[in-house]
Amino acid sequence: MNNFRIAKTIIVFSSLSYLSVSFLRNYNSPENIEKRCILKFEKDFKNNLEKSHEEWNKILDLADKNYLKCMGISQY
C-alpha cells in the first residue's frame, strides 16, 4: 500500500510539472506575446476625428514605442 502512495505522489508531481512547463512554453511563445501586446495597445491606435494631425502622430509614436517595449525589442 505504501508503494502505491509513493507511485501516486510521483505521478501527480510529474504531471503538474509537465503541465506547468507546457503552459509556460505556450504562454511565452512569440505569437502569443505579439497577440497580447497588440490587444494591450490596440486602443492607442484608434483614430479620433477631433484630434489634430500632429497630436495623432504623437499618439502613434507613443503607441509604437509601447508596443516595441512590450515585445521586448530594444529601441535605438
N, C-alpha and C. Protein backbone atom coordinates (compact mmCIF):
# COMPACT_ATOMS: atom_id res chain seq x y z
N MET A 1 0.81 -1.19 0.00
CA MET A 1 0.00 0.00 0.00
C MET A 1 0.86 1.26 0.00
N ASN A 2 1.99 1.20 0.70
CA ASN A 2 2.89 2.33 0.77
C ASN A 2 3.52 2.61 -0.60
N ASN A 3 3.81 1.57 -1.37
CA ASN A 3 4.38 1.73 -2.71
C ASN A 3 3.38 2.42 -3.63
N PHE A 4 2.11 2.10 -3.49
CA PHE A 4 1.08 2.72 -4.32
C PHE A 4 0.99 4.22 -4.02
N ARG A 5 1.08 4.60 -2.76
CA ARG A 5 1.03 6.01 -2.37
C ARG A 5 2.24 6.76 -2.94
N ILE A 6 3.40 6.17 -2.89
CA ILE A 6 4.60 6.79 -3.44
C ILE A 6 4.48 6.95 -4.95
N ALA A 7 3.98 5.92 -5.63
CA ALA A 7 3.82 5.99 -7.08
C ALA A 7 2.80 7.06 -7.46
N LYS A 8 1.71 7.13 -6.71
CA LYS A 8 0.68 8.13 -6.98
C LYS A 8 1.24 9.54 -6.79
N THR A 9 2.03 9.74 -5.75
CA THR A 9 2.64 11.05 -5.50
C THR A 9 3.59 11.43 -6.62
N ILE A 10 4.39 10.51 -7.08
CA ILE A 10 5.33 10.77 -8.17
C ILE A 10 4.57 11.12 -9.45
N ILE A 11 3.50 10.40 -9.73
CA ILE A 11 2.71 10.67 -10.93
C ILE A 11 2.05 12.05 -10.86
N VAL A 12 1.53 12.40 -9.71
CA VAL A 12 0.88 13.71 -9.56
C VAL A 12 1.90 14.83 -9.75
N PHE A 13 3.04 14.75 -9.10
CA PHE A 13 4.04 15.80 -9.23
C PHE A 13 4.62 15.88 -10.63
N SER A 14 4.85 14.76 -11.27
CA SER A 14 5.38 14.80 -12.63
C SER A 14 4.33 15.35 -13.60
N SER A 15 3.07 15.04 -13.39
CA SER A 15 2.01 15.59 -14.24
C SER A 15 1.89 17.09 -14.08
N LEU A 16 1.92 17.56 -12.84
CA LEU A 16 1.87 19.01 -12.60
C LEU A 16 3.07 19.72 -13.19
N SER A 17 4.22 19.13 -13.09
CA SER A 17 5.43 19.72 -13.67
C SER A 17 5.31 19.81 -15.18
N TYR A 18 4.85 18.74 -15.81
CA TYR A 18 4.70 18.73 -17.26
C TYR A 18 3.69 19.78 -17.72
N LEU A 19 2.56 19.88 -17.01
CA LEU A 19 1.54 20.88 -17.37
C LEU A 19 2.06 22.30 -17.18
N SER A 20 2.82 22.53 -16.13
CA SER A 20 3.39 23.86 -15.90
C SER A 20 4.36 24.25 -17.00
N VAL A 21 5.24 23.35 -17.37
CA VAL A 21 6.21 23.63 -18.43
C VAL A 21 5.50 23.85 -19.76
N SER A 22 4.49 23.05 -20.05
CA SER A 22 3.75 23.22 -21.30
C SER A 22 3.03 24.57 -21.33
N PHE A 23 2.40 24.95 -20.23
CA PHE A 23 1.72 26.23 -20.16
C PHE A 23 2.69 27.39 -20.36
N LEU A 24 3.82 27.37 -19.66
CA LEU A 24 4.77 28.46 -19.78
C LEU A 24 5.38 28.54 -21.18
N ARG A 25 5.62 27.41 -21.80
CA ARG A 25 6.16 27.40 -23.16
C ARG A 25 5.15 28.01 -24.13
N ASN A 26 3.89 27.67 -23.97
CA ASN A 26 2.84 28.22 -24.83
C ASN A 26 2.60 29.70 -24.54
N TYR A 27 2.57 30.08 -23.27
CA TYR A 27 2.31 31.46 -22.87
C TYR A 27 3.41 32.39 -23.36
N ASN A 28 4.64 31.95 -23.36
CA ASN A 28 5.78 32.78 -23.74
C ASN A 28 6.20 32.60 -25.19
N SER A 29 5.37 31.98 -26.00
CA SER A 29 5.71 31.85 -27.42
C SER A 29 5.61 33.22 -28.08
N PRO A 30 6.42 33.48 -29.09
CA PRO A 30 6.40 34.80 -29.75
C PRO A 30 5.04 35.19 -30.30
N GLU A 31 4.28 34.22 -30.80
CA GLU A 31 2.96 34.53 -31.35
C GLU A 31 2.02 35.03 -30.26
N ASN A 32 2.04 34.38 -29.10
CA ASN A 32 1.15 34.79 -28.01
C ASN A 32 1.58 36.11 -27.39
N ILE A 33 2.87 36.36 -27.32
CA ILE A 33 3.35 37.64 -26.81
C ILE A 33 2.88 38.75 -27.74
N GLU A 34 3.00 38.52 -29.04
CA GLU A 34 2.56 39.53 -30.01
C GLU A 34 1.06 39.80 -29.90
N LYS A 35 0.27 38.75 -29.76
CA LYS A 35 -1.18 38.93 -29.61
C LYS A 35 -1.52 39.74 -28.37
N ARG A 36 -0.87 39.44 -27.24
CA ARG A 36 -1.13 40.18 -26.01
C ARG A 36 -0.73 41.65 -26.16
N CYS A 37 0.40 41.91 -26.81
CA CYS A 37 0.85 43.29 -26.99
C CYS A 37 -0.09 44.05 -27.92
N ILE A 38 -0.55 43.40 -28.97
CA ILE A 38 -1.46 44.07 -29.90
C ILE A 38 -2.76 44.41 -29.19
N LEU A 39 -3.30 43.50 -28.42
CA LEU A 39 -4.54 43.78 -27.69
C LEU A 39 -4.35 44.87 -26.64
N LYS A 40 -3.19 44.86 -26.00
CA LYS A 40 -2.92 45.81 -24.94
C LYS A 40 -2.86 47.24 -25.48
N PHE A 41 -2.27 47.42 -26.66
CA PHE A 41 -2.06 48.76 -27.18
C PHE A 41 -2.94 49.07 -28.38
N GLU A 42 -3.93 48.26 -28.65
CA GLU A 42 -4.83 48.49 -29.77
C GLU A 42 -5.64 49.77 -29.57
N LYS A 43 -5.99 50.06 -28.35
CA LYS A 43 -6.78 51.26 -28.08
C LYS A 43 -6.01 52.53 -28.41
N ASP A 44 -4.67 52.49 -28.39
CA ASP A 44 -3.87 53.67 -28.73
C ASP A 44 -3.97 54.01 -30.21
N PHE A 45 -4.29 53.04 -31.05
CA PHE A 45 -4.31 53.24 -32.48
C PHE A 45 -5.67 53.68 -33.02
N LYS A 46 -6.67 53.77 -32.17
CA LYS A 46 -7.98 54.18 -32.64
C LYS A 46 -7.96 55.69 -32.91
N ASN A 47 -8.35 56.06 -34.11
CA ASN A 47 -8.29 57.46 -34.54
C ASN A 47 -9.56 58.18 -34.12
N ASN A 48 -9.38 59.23 -33.35
CA ASN A 48 -10.50 60.10 -33.00
C ASN A 48 -10.52 61.25 -33.99
N LEU A 49 -11.69 61.58 -34.48
CA LEU A 49 -11.80 62.60 -35.52
C LEU A 49 -11.47 64.00 -35.01
N GLU A 50 -11.64 64.26 -33.71
CA GLU A 50 -11.39 65.60 -33.20
C GLU A 50 -9.90 65.88 -32.93
N LYS A 51 -9.03 64.92 -33.12
CA LYS A 51 -7.61 65.11 -32.87
C LYS A 51 -6.93 65.68 -34.10
N SER A 52 -5.98 66.56 -33.86
CA SER A 52 -5.23 67.14 -34.97
C SER A 52 -4.22 66.13 -35.51
N HIS A 53 -3.69 66.46 -36.67
CA HIS A 53 -2.72 65.57 -37.33
C HIS A 53 -1.45 65.43 -36.49
N GLU A 54 -0.98 66.53 -35.91
CA GLU A 54 0.24 66.49 -35.09
C GLU A 54 0.01 65.68 -33.81
N GLU A 55 -1.14 65.88 -33.19
CA GLU A 55 -1.45 65.13 -31.97
C GLU A 55 -1.60 63.64 -32.29
N TRP A 56 -2.19 63.33 -33.43
CA TRP A 56 -2.36 61.94 -33.83
C TRP A 56 -1.00 61.29 -34.08
N ASN A 57 -0.06 62.02 -34.68
CA ASN A 57 1.29 61.48 -34.90
C ASN A 57 1.99 61.21 -33.58
N LYS A 58 1.81 62.06 -32.59
CA LYS A 58 2.41 61.83 -31.27
C LYS A 58 1.81 60.57 -30.63
N ILE A 59 0.51 60.41 -30.76
CA ILE A 59 -0.15 59.21 -30.20
C ILE A 59 0.38 57.95 -30.87
N LEU A 60 0.55 57.99 -32.18
CA LEU A 60 1.07 56.82 -32.90
C LEU A 60 2.50 56.52 -32.50
N ASP A 61 3.32 57.55 -32.32
CA ASP A 61 4.70 57.33 -31.89
C ASP A 61 4.76 56.70 -30.51
N LEU A 62 3.93 57.19 -29.60
CA LEU A 62 3.89 56.63 -28.25
C LEU A 62 3.41 55.18 -28.26
N ALA A 63 2.38 54.91 -29.04
CA ALA A 63 1.86 53.54 -29.13
C ALA A 63 2.90 52.61 -29.74
N ASP A 64 3.63 53.10 -30.73
CA ASP A 64 4.68 52.30 -31.36
C ASP A 64 5.79 51.97 -30.36
N LYS A 65 6.20 52.95 -29.58
CA LYS A 65 7.24 52.72 -28.57
C LYS A 65 6.76 51.73 -27.51
N ASN A 66 5.51 51.89 -27.08
CA ASN A 66 4.95 50.97 -26.07
C ASN A 66 4.86 49.55 -26.61
N TYR A 67 4.49 49.42 -27.88
CA TYR A 67 4.39 48.09 -28.49
C TYR A 67 5.76 47.43 -28.56
N LEU A 68 6.76 48.17 -29.00
CA LEU A 68 8.12 47.61 -29.08
C LEU A 68 8.63 47.24 -27.70
N LYS A 69 8.33 48.05 -26.71
CA LYS A 69 8.74 47.75 -25.33
C LYS A 69 8.06 46.48 -24.84
N CYS A 70 6.77 46.34 -25.14
CA CYS A 70 6.02 45.14 -24.75
C CYS A 70 6.59 43.89 -25.42
N MET A 71 6.98 44.02 -26.69
CA MET A 71 7.52 42.89 -27.43
C MET A 71 8.95 42.54 -26.98
N GLY A 72 9.60 43.43 -26.26
CA GLY A 72 10.96 43.18 -25.80
C GLY A 72 12.00 43.52 -26.85
N ILE A 73 11.64 44.37 -27.80
CA ILE A 73 12.57 44.78 -28.85
C ILE A 73 13.24 46.06 -28.39
N SER A 74 14.58 46.08 -28.41
CA SER A 74 15.30 47.27 -27.96
C SER A 74 15.09 48.41 -28.94
N GLN A 75 14.98 49.58 -28.39
CA GLN A 75 14.77 50.76 -29.21
C GLN A 75 16.09 51.46 -29.42
N TYR A 76 16.27 52.05 -30.56
CA TYR A 76 17.52 52.70 -30.94
C TYR A 76 17.78 53.88 -30.11
